[in-house]
C-alpha atoms as a PDB file:
ATOM      1  CA  MET A   1     100.441 100.093  96.917  1.00  0.00           C
ATOM      2  CA  MET A   2      98.806 102.683  94.656  1.00  0.00           C
ATOM      3  CA  PRO A   3      95.152 103.303  95.594  1.00  0.00           C
ATOM      4  CA  ILE A   4      92.791 101.960  92.968  1.00  0.00           C
ATOM      5  CA  THR A   5      91.133 105.372  92.711  1.00  0.00           C
ATOM      6  CA  HIS A   6      94.436 106.832  91.462  1.00  0.00           C
ATOM      7  CA  LEU A   7      94.893 105.010  88.134  1.00  0.00           C
ATOM      8  CA  PRO A   8      97.896 105.555  85.817  1.00  0.00           C
ATOM      9  CA  ARG A   9      97.279 108.233  83.203  1.00  0.00           C
ATOM     10  CA  TRP A  10      98.544 105.939  80.414  1.00  0.00           C
ATOM     11  CA  LEU A  11      95.498 103.653  80.827  1.00  0.00           C
ATOM     12  CA  ASP A  12      92.788 103.948  78.220  1.00  0.00           C
ATOM     13  CA  PRO A  13      90.088 106.413  79.460  1.00  0.00           C
ATOM     14  CA  ALA A  14      87.368 103.810  78.990  1.00  0.00           C
ATOM     15  CA  VAL A  15      89.275 101.320  81.163  1.00  0.00           C
ATOM     16  CA  ARG A  16      89.768 103.942  83.840  1.00  0.00           C
ATOM     17  CA  ARG A  17      86.020 104.758  83.888  1.00  0.00           C
ATOM     18  CA  THR A  18      85.126 101.064  84.146  1.00  0.00           C
ATOM     19  CA  ALA A  19      87.545 100.544  87.041  1.00  0.00           C
ATOM     20  CA  ARG A  20      86.166 103.510  88.935  1.00  0.00           C
ATOM     21  CA  GLY A  21      82.612 102.225  88.417  1.00  0.00           C
ATOM     22  CA  LEU A  22      83.544  98.846  89.815  1.00  0.00           C
ATOM     23  CA  VAL A  23      85.114 100.486  92.892  1.00  0.00           C
ATOM     24  CA  ALA A  24      82.021 102.637  93.477  1.00  0.00           C
ATOM     25  CA  GLY A  25      79.723  99.633  93.157  1.00  0.00           C
ATOM     26  CA  LEU A  26      81.838  97.630  95.590  1.00  0.00           C
ATOM     27  CA  CYS A  27      81.684 100.470  98.117  1.00  0.00           C
ATOM     28  CA  LEU A  28      77.907 100.750  97.846  1.00  0.00           C
ATOM     29  CA  TYR A  29      77.582  96.996  98.276  1.00  0.00           C
ATOM     30  CA  MET A  30      79.708  97.057 101.427  1.00  0.00           C
ATOM     31  CA  VAL A  31      77.864 100.063 102.904  1.00  0.00           C
ATOM     32  CA  GLY A  32      74.512  98.473 102.099  1.00  0.00           C
ATOM     33  CA  GLY A  33      75.576  95.313 103.863  1.00  0.00           C
ATOM     34  CA  LEU A  34      76.596  97.241 106.946  1.00  0.00           C
ATOM     35  CA  LEU A  35      73.307  99.157 106.977  1.00  0.00           C
ATOM     36  CA  SER A  36      71.300  95.975 106.619  1.00  0.00           C
ATOM     37  CA  ILE A  37      73.194  94.448 109.529  1.00  0.00           C
ATOM     38  CA  THR A  38      72.608  97.543 111.692  1.00  0.00           C
ATOM     39  CA  PHE A  39      68.879  97.704 110.979  1.00  0.00           C
ATOM     40  CA  ALA A  40      68.482  93.999 111.549  1.00  0.00           C
ATOM     41  CA  GLY A  41      70.119  94.388 114.948  1.00  0.00           C
ATOM     42  CA  THR A  42      67.582  97.056 116.032  1.00  0.00           C
ATOM     43  CA  ASN A  43      64.536  95.223 114.736  1.00  0.00           C
ATOM     44  CA  PRO A  44      62.159  95.289 117.770  1.00  0.00           C
ATOM     45  CA  GLU A  45      61.736  91.662 118.730  1.00  0.00           C
ATOM     46  CA  PHE A  46      61.417  92.619 122.410  1.00  0.00           C
ATOM     47  CA  GLN A  47      59.554  95.415 124.210  1.00  0.00           C
ATOM     48  CA  SER A  48      61.902  98.356 124.730  1.00  0.00           C
ATOM     49  CA  THR A  49      62.468  99.536 128.283  1.00  0.00           C
ATOM     50  CA  GLN A  50      61.914 103.101 127.054  1.00  0.00           C
ATOM     51  CA  SER A  51      58.362 102.295 125.945  1.00  0.00           C
ATOM     52  CA  ILE A  52      57.598 100.791 129.369  1.00  0.00           C
ATOM     53  CA  GLU A  53      58.993 103.813 131.206  1.00  0.00           C
ATOM     54  CA  GLU A  54      57.049 106.186 128.949  1.00  0.00           C
ATOM     55  CA  ALA A  55      53.826 104.282 129.659  1.00  0.00           C
ATOM     56  CA  VAL A  56      54.435 104.662 133.408  1.00  0.00           C
ATOM     57  CA  GLN A  57      55.253 108.365 133.019  1.00  0.00           C
ATOM     58  CA  THR A  58      52.002 108.992 131.127  1.00  0.00           C
ATOM     59  CA  PHE A  59      49.973 107.081 133.718  1.00  0.00           C
ATOM     60  CA  LEU A  60      51.495 108.988 136.663  1.00  0.00           C
ATOM     61  CA  LYS A  61      50.871 112.357 135.020  1.00  0.00           C
ATOM     62  CA  GLN A  62      47.218 111.512 134.447  1.00  0.00           C
ATOM     63  CA  ARG A  63      46.649 110.216 137.981  1.00  0.00           C
ATOM     64  CA  TYR A  64      48.831 112.378 140.223  1.00  0.00           C
ATOM     65  CA  ASN A  65      49.459 115.627 138.351  1.00  0.00           C
ATOM     66  CA  PRO A  66      46.477 118.028 138.550  1.00  0.00           C
ATOM     67  CA  ALA A  67      46.647 121.074 136.310  1.00  0.00           C
ATOM     68  CA  GLY A  68      48.832 123.854 137.695  1.00  0.00           C
ATOM     69  CA  SER A  69      50.640 121.750 140.290  1.00  0.00           C
ATOM     70  CA  ALA A  70      54.427 121.555 140.497  1.00  0.00           C
ATOM     71  CA  ILE A  71      54.697 117.774 140.404  1.00  0.00           C
ATOM     72  CA  SER A  72      57.378 115.745 138.679  1.00  0.00           C
ATOM     73  CA  PHE A  73      58.123 112.028 138.547  1.00  0.00           C
ATOM     74  CA  HIS A  74      61.284 109.990 138.824  1.00  0.00           C
ATOM     75  CA  ILE A  75      60.984 106.474 137.409  1.00  0.00           C
ATOM     76  CA  ASN A  76      63.556 103.864 138.375  1.00  0.00           C
ATOM     77  CA  ARG A  77      65.452 102.867 135.249  1.00  0.00           C
ATOM     78  CA  LEU A  78      64.787  99.341 134.050  1.00  0.00           C
ATOM     79  CA  ASP A  79      67.605  96.919 133.328  1.00  0.00           C
ATOM     80  CA  PRO A  80      68.397  97.359 129.602  1.00  0.00           C
ATOM     81  CA  ARG A  81      68.990  93.589 129.409  1.00  0.00           C
ATOM     82  CA  LEU A  82      65.309  92.988 130.175  1.00  0.00           C
ATOM     83  CA  LYS A  83      63.753  90.823 127.466  1.00  0.00           C
ATOM     84  CA  LEU A  84      59.953  90.926 127.315  1.00  0.00           C
ATOM     85  CA  LYS A  85      58.118  89.918 124.178  1.00  0.00           C
ATOM     86  CA  LEU A  86      56.966  92.845 122.050  1.00  0.00           C
ATOM     87  CA  CYS A  87      53.342  93.463 123.017  1.00  0.00           C
ATOM     88  CA  ASP A  88      50.831  93.481 120.170  1.00  0.00           C
ATOM     89  CA  GLN A  89      48.363  95.466 122.322  1.00  0.00           C
ATOM     90  CA  PRO A  90      48.693  98.881 124.050  1.00  0.00           C
ATOM     91  CA  LEU A  91      50.428  98.536 127.414  1.00  0.00           C
ATOM     92  CA  ARG A  92      48.147  98.740 130.467  1.00  0.00           C
ATOM     93  CA  VAL A  93      49.362 100.438 133.648  1.00  0.00           C
ATOM     94  CA  TYR A  94      47.852 100.006 137.115  1.00  0.00           C
ATOM     95  CA  SER A  95      48.679 101.262 140.605  1.00  0.00           C
ATOM     96  CA  GLY A  96      47.108 100.444 143.944  1.00  0.00           C
ATOM     97  CA  SER A  97      48.761 103.421 145.661  1.00  0.00           C
ATOM     98  CA  GLN A  98      46.695 106.103 147.365  1.00  0.00           C
ATOM     99  CA  PRO A  99      46.191 109.497 145.656  1.00  0.00           C
ATOM    100  CA  ASN A 100      48.791 110.946 148.062  1.00  0.00           C
ATOM    101  CA  PRO A 101      51.176 108.044 148.718  1.00  0.00           C
ATOM    102  CA  ARG A 102      53.326 108.209 151.842  1.00  0.00           C
ATOM    103  CA  GLY A 103      56.804 109.470 151.035  1.00  0.00           C
ATOM    104  CA  GLY A 104      55.829 109.970 147.402  1.00  0.00           C
ATOM    105  CA  ARG A 105      56.763 106.387 146.506  1.00  0.00           C
ATOM    106  CA  VAL A 106      54.547 104.395 144.159  1.00  0.00           C
ATOM    107  CA  THR A 107      54.824 101.116 142.319  1.00  0.00           C
ATOM    108  CA  ALA A 108      53.200 100.872 138.900  1.00  0.00           C
ATOM    109  CA  GLN A 109      52.259  97.544 137.363  1.00  0.00           C
ATOM    110  CA  VAL A 110      52.769  97.458 133.598  1.00  0.00           C
ATOM    111  CA  ALA A 111      51.001  94.620 131.804  1.00  0.00           C
ATOM    112  CA  CYS A 112      50.798  93.276 128.288  1.00  0.00           C
ATOM    113  CA  GLU A 113      47.432  91.665 127.644  1.00  0.00           C
ATOM    114  CA  GLY A 114      48.247  90.589 124.087  1.00  0.00           C
ATOM    115  CA  SER A 115      49.077  87.215 122.561  1.00  0.00           C
ATOM    116  CA  SER A 116      52.262  86.900 124.680  1.00  0.00           C
ATOM    117  CA  PRO A 117      51.123  88.319 128.031  1.00  0.00           C
ATOM    118  CA  TRP A 118      53.543  89.518 130.690  1.00  0.00           C
ATOM    119  CA  ARG A 119      53.647  91.984 133.585  1.00  0.00           C
ATOM    120  CA  ILE A 120      56.350  93.932 135.367  1.00  0.00           C
ATOM    121  CA  TYR A 121      56.450  96.207 138.441  1.00  0.00           C
ATOM    122  CA  VAL A 122      58.139  99.591 138.077  1.00  0.00           C
ATOM    123  CA  PRO A 123      58.996 101.703 141.188  1.00  0.00           C
ATOM    124  CA  ALA A 124      58.671 105.474 140.891  1.00  0.00           C
ATOM    125  CA  GLN A 125      58.778 108.544 143.092  1.00  0.00           C
ATOM    126  CA  ILE A 126      56.461 111.548 143.042  1.00  0.00           C
ATOM    127  CA  ARG A 127      58.110 114.895 143.704  1.00  0.00           C
ATOM    128  CA  HIS A 128      55.662 117.591 144.779  1.00  0.00           C
ATOM    129  CA  MET A 129      57.628 120.822 144.942  1.00  0.00           C
ATOM    130  CA  VAL A 130      56.166 123.531 147.190  1.00  0.00           C
ATOM    131  CA  LYS A 131      57.317 126.870 148.562  1.00  0.00           C
ATOM    132  CA  VAL A 132      57.539 126.770 152.374  1.00  0.00           C
ATOM    133  CA  LEU A 133      58.631 129.122 155.130  1.00  0.00           C
ATOM    134  CA  SER A 134      62.070 128.828 156.683  1.00  0.00           C
ATOM    135  CA  LEU A 135      64.132 130.998 159.001  1.00  0.00           C
ATOM    136  CA  ALA A 136      66.446 133.671 157.629  1.00  0.00           C
ATOM    137  CA  ARG A 137      68.411 133.787 160.909  1.00  0.00           C
ATOM    138  CA  PRO A 138      68.792 131.709 164.081  1.00  0.00           C
ATOM    139  CA  LEU A 139      66.161 132.200 166.789  1.00  0.00           C
ATOM    140  CA  ALA A 140      66.256 131.270 170.461  1.00  0.00           C
ATOM    141  CA  ALA A 141      63.396 129.665 172.330  1.00  0.00           C
ATOM    142  CA  GLY A 142      60.825 132.324 173.153  1.00  0.00           C
ATOM    143  CA  ASP A 143      61.838 134.716 170.361  1.00  0.00           C
ATOM    144  CA  ARG A 144      58.921 136.250 168.515  1.00  0.00           C
ATOM    145  CA  VAL A 145      58.900 135.733 164.744  1.00  0.00           C
ATOM    146  CA  THR A 146      58.892 138.835 162.541  1.00  0.00           C
ATOM    147  CA  ALA A 147      58.585 139.236 158.777  1.00  0.00           C
ATOM    148  CA  GLN A 148      62.342 139.827 158.557  1.00  0.00           C
ATOM    149  CA  ASP A 149      62.979 136.432 160.154  1.00  0.00           C
ATOM    150  CA  LEU A 150      61.290 134.561 157.295  1.00  0.00           C
ATOM    151  CA  MET A 151      62.370 133.444 153.833  1.00  0.00           C
ATOM    152  CA  SER A 152      60.939 131.072 151.235  1.00  0.00           C
ATOM    153  CA  LEU A 153      62.393 127.681 150.413  1.00  0.00           C
ATOM    154  CA  VAL A 154      61.302 125.232 147.685  1.00  0.00           C
ATOM    155  CA  VAL A 155      61.198 121.627 148.922  1.00  0.00           C
ATOM    156  CA  ASN A 156      59.705 118.268 148.038  1.00  0.00           C
ATOM    157  CA  ALA A 157      56.519 118.113 150.094  1.00  0.00           C
ATOM    158  CA  ASN A 158      56.547 114.313 150.074  1.00  0.00           C
ATOM    159  CA  GLN A 159      59.798 114.308 152.054  1.00  0.00           C
ATOM    160  CA  GLN A 160      58.478 116.524 154.850  1.00  0.00           C
ATOM    161  CA  ALA A 161      57.346 114.618 157.930  1.00  0.00           C
ATOM    162  CA  GLN A 162      55.780 117.585 159.744  1.00  0.00           C
ATOM    163  CA  ALA A 163      53.092 120.079 158.746  1.00  0.00           C
ATOM    164  CA  TYR A 164      55.135 122.871 157.162  1.00  0.00           C
ATOM    165  CA  LEU A 165      53.958 126.478 156.977  1.00  0.00           C
ATOM    166  CA  THR A 166      53.424 128.397 153.740  1.00  0.00           C
ATOM    167  CA  ASP A 167      51.574 131.542 154.847  1.00  0.00           C
ATOM    168  CA  PRO A 168      53.694 134.172 156.684  1.00  0.00           C
ATOM    169  CA  SER A 169      50.639 135.261 158.680  1.00  0.00           C
ATOM    170  CA  ASP A 170      50.658 131.855 160.391  1.00  0.00           C
ATOM    171  CA  ALA A 171      54.142 132.541 161.779  1.00  0.00           C
ATOM    172  CA  ILE A 172      54.507 136.292 162.301  1.00  0.00           C
ATOM    173  CA  GLY A 173      53.853 137.215 165.907  1.00  0.00           C
ATOM    174  CA  GLN A 174      54.270 133.641 167.168  1.00  0.00           C
ATOM    175  CA  VAL A 175      57.176 132.557 169.343  1.00  0.00           C
ATOM    176  CA  VAL A 176      59.492 129.646 168.663  1.00  0.00           C
ATOM    177  CA  SER A 177      59.248 126.806 171.167  1.00  0.00           C
ATOM    178  CA  HIS A 178      62.902 125.738 170.916  1.00  0.00           C
ATOM    179  CA  PRO A 179      66.191 127.022 169.455  1.00  0.00           C
ATOM    180  CA  MET A 180      66.166 127.006 165.648  1.00  0.00           C
ATOM    181  CA  GLN A 181      68.855 127.507 163.002  1.00  0.00           C
ATOM    182  CA  ALA A 182      68.851 129.638 159.853  1.00  0.00           C
ATOM    183  CA  GLY A 183      67.402 127.734 156.900  1.00  0.00           C
ATOM    184  CA  GLN A 184      65.335 125.429 159.089  1.00  0.00           C
ATOM    185  CA  ILE A 185      61.797 124.814 157.830  1.00  0.00           C
ATOM    186  CA  LEU A 186      59.039 126.139 160.085  1.00  0.00           C
ATOM    187  CA  THR A 187      56.293 123.758 161.176  1.00  0.00           C
ATOM    188  CA  LYS A 188      53.309 124.137 163.468  1.00  0.00           C
ATOM    189  CA  ARG A 189      55.145 122.257 166.205  1.00  0.00           C
ATOM    190  CA  ASP A 190      57.948 124.824 166.195  1.00  0.00           C
ATOM    191  CA  LEU A 191      55.677 127.698 167.208  1.00  0.00           C
ATOM    192  CA  ASN A 192      53.595 128.710 170.175  1.00  0.00           C
ATOM    193  CA  ILE A 193      51.072 131.515 170.434  1.00  0.00           C
ATOM    194  CA  ALA A 194      52.730 134.586 171.916  1.00  0.00           C
ATOM    195  CA  GLN A 195      51.442 135.283 175.395  1.00  0.00           C
ATOM    196  CA  ILE A 196      50.245 138.887 175.222  1.00  0.00           C
ATOM    197  CA  VAL A 197      48.252 138.824 178.485  1.00  0.00           C
ATOM    198  CA  HIS A 198      49.862 137.652 181.703  1.00  0.00           C
ATOM    199  CA  ARG A 199      48.477 136.606 185.064  1.00  0.00           C
ATOM    200  CA  GLY A 200      47.682 139.671 187.151  1.00  0.00           C
ATOM    201  CA  ASP A 201      47.334 142.031 184.190  1.00  0.00           C
ATOM    202  CA  HIS A 202      44.445 144.485 184.312  1.00  0.00           C
ATOM    203  CA  VAL A 203      42.214 144.061 181.262  1.00  0.00           C
ATOM    204  CA  THR A 204      38.884 145.340 179.998  1.00  0.00           C
ATOM    205  CA  LEU A 205      36.001 142.887 179.697  1.00  0.00           C
ATOM    206  CA  ILE A 206      33.676 143.662 176.800  1.00  0.00           C
ATOM    207  CA  SER A 207      30.304 142.044 176.183  1.00  0.00           C
ATOM    208  CA  GLY A 208      27.588 143.133 173.819  1.00  0.00           C
ATOM    209  CA  THR A 209      24.421 142.020 172.055  1.00  0.00           C
ATOM    210  CA  GLY A 210      22.029 143.837 169.754  1.00  0.00           C
ATOM    211  CA  GLY A 211      24.314 146.841 169.359  1.00  0.00           C
ATOM    212  CA  ILE A 212      24.623 147.391 173.133  1.00  0.00           C
ATOM    213  CA  THR A 213      28.114 147.042 174.590  1.00  0.00           C
ATOM    214  CA  VAL A 214      28.945 146.650 178.272  1.00  0.00           C
ATOM    215  CA  SER A 215      32.476 146.881 179.645  1.00  0.00           C
ATOM    216  CA  ALA A 216      34.043 146.174 183.013  1.00  0.00           C
ATOM    217  CA  GLU A 217      37.502 146.069 184.505  1.00  0.00           C
ATOM    218  CA  GLY A 218      39.059 142.773 185.514  1.00  0.00           C
ATOM    219  CA  VAL A 219      42.257 140.934 186.382  1.00  0.00           C
ATOM    220  CA  ALA A 220      43.677 138.139 184.231  1.00  0.00           C
ATOM    221  CA  GLN A 221      43.917 134.831 186.068  1.00  0.00           C
ATOM    222  CA  ALA A 222      46.490 133.243 183.721  1.00  0.00           C
ATOM    223  CA  ASP A 223      48.722 133.866 180.713  1.00  0.00           C
ATOM    224  CA  ALA A 224      47.102 133.771 177.271  1.00  0.00           C
ATOM    225  CA  GLY A 225      47.703 134.646 173.637  1.00  0.00           C
ATOM    226  CA  GLN A 226      45.497 136.335 171.066  1.00  0.00           C
ATOM    227  CA  GLY A 227      42.428 134.227 170.296  1.00  0.00           C
ATOM    228  CA  GLN A 228      42.851 132.041 173.385  1.00  0.00           C
ATOM    229  CA  ARG A 229      40.312 131.693 176.153  1.00  0.00           C
ATOM    230  CA  LEU A 230      41.109 133.373 179.468  1.00  0.00           C
ATOM    231  CA  MET A 231      39.490 133.529 182.892  1.00  0.00           C
ATOM    232  CA  VAL A 232      39.165 137.099 184.188  1.00  0.00           C
ATOM    233  CA  LYS A 233      38.103 138.170 187.701  1.00  0.00           C
ATOM    234  CA  ASN A 234      35.696 141.095 187.661  1.00  0.00           C
ATOM    235  CA  SER A 235      37.345 143.788 189.804  1.00  0.00           C
ATOM    236  CA  ARG A 236      34.016 145.037 191.205  1.00  0.00           C
ATOM    237  CA  SER A 237      31.963 141.868 191.730  1.00  0.00           C
ATOM    238  CA  GLY A 238      34.761 139.318 192.129  1.00  0.00           C
ATOM    239  CA  GLN A 239      32.990 137.051 189.621  1.00  0.00           C
ATOM    240  CA  LEU A 240      35.118 134.860 187.351  1.00  0.00           C
ATOM    241  CA  ILE A 241      34.267 135.402 183.695  1.00  0.00           C
ATOM    242  CA  GLU A 242      35.661 133.539 180.689  1.00  0.00           C
ATOM    243  CA  GLY A 243      36.421 135.453 177.518  1.00  0.00           C
ATOM    244  CA  ILE A 244      38.602 135.437 174.430  1.00  0.00           C
ATOM    245  CA  VAL A 245      41.732 137.568 174.255  1.00  0.00           C
ATOM    246  CA  GLN A 246      41.368 140.246 171.569  1.00  0.00           C
ATOM    247  CA  ASP A 247      44.579 142.135 172.327  1.00  0.00           C
ATOM    248  CA  ALA A 248      46.908 142.798 175.236  1.00  0.00           C
ATOM    249  CA  HIS A 249      44.285 144.904 177.041  1.00  0.00           C
ATOM    250  CA  THR A 250      40.922 143.536 175.910  1.00  0.00           C
ATOM    251  CA  VAL A 251      39.024 140.308 176.546  1.00  0.00           C
ATOM    252  CA  VAL A 252      35.753 139.753 174.707  1.00  0.00           C
ATOM    253  CA  VAL A 253      32.976 137.786 176.400  1.00  0.00           C
ATOM    254  CA  PRO A 254      31.042 135.742 173.782  1.00  0.00           C
END
């Protein structure tokens, strides 16, 4: 069949123009009908799940995201088939979770307090990304940690059960308490203070007040690390004196 837009040339020009006008009008009528059907189908009779999720996202940012922190939020997607009456008031969001919820999991309560009230609970997860210390190579129990043994790793703090380390100075010079693998996150429990003074070592006892310093030789009575307390036997008097290890050869008496 010949398309109606391709009319025979022998038709009167006026007839051809009229026919084309009718076709154009019919097309516009059909397109307009389709558009009206489409817009009618998206007419918001119910509250959109997107608006609920956005309300929760805004609430979480205001409550748990201080300026400058690397915090993000993952909100569990709501069932798109959810049908809650469109709220004629701004949505209200509440949460009874602590400022630092365990595991980063929170549940927000979204409520409509308008003419058709409703409420829904929306689970979410807080991701607090931090840079922590991990090992660049395997270490055996008793190995002393050096700067070359450390590397940085970005992790979700809310998924870490132990107290992780972030400052290299808290790890360098310490010894690992058990075998550890490369990439493993360092925690306080993984490290022990390196024993720099050992039982039987000869050390110098130093005590001073008011600008006057007195020193004496002594023998360490146990193993100890820097900053730890140690009993030292005065080599001359035999008296036991407690001091704090300053370095491998010096114990300071407070």
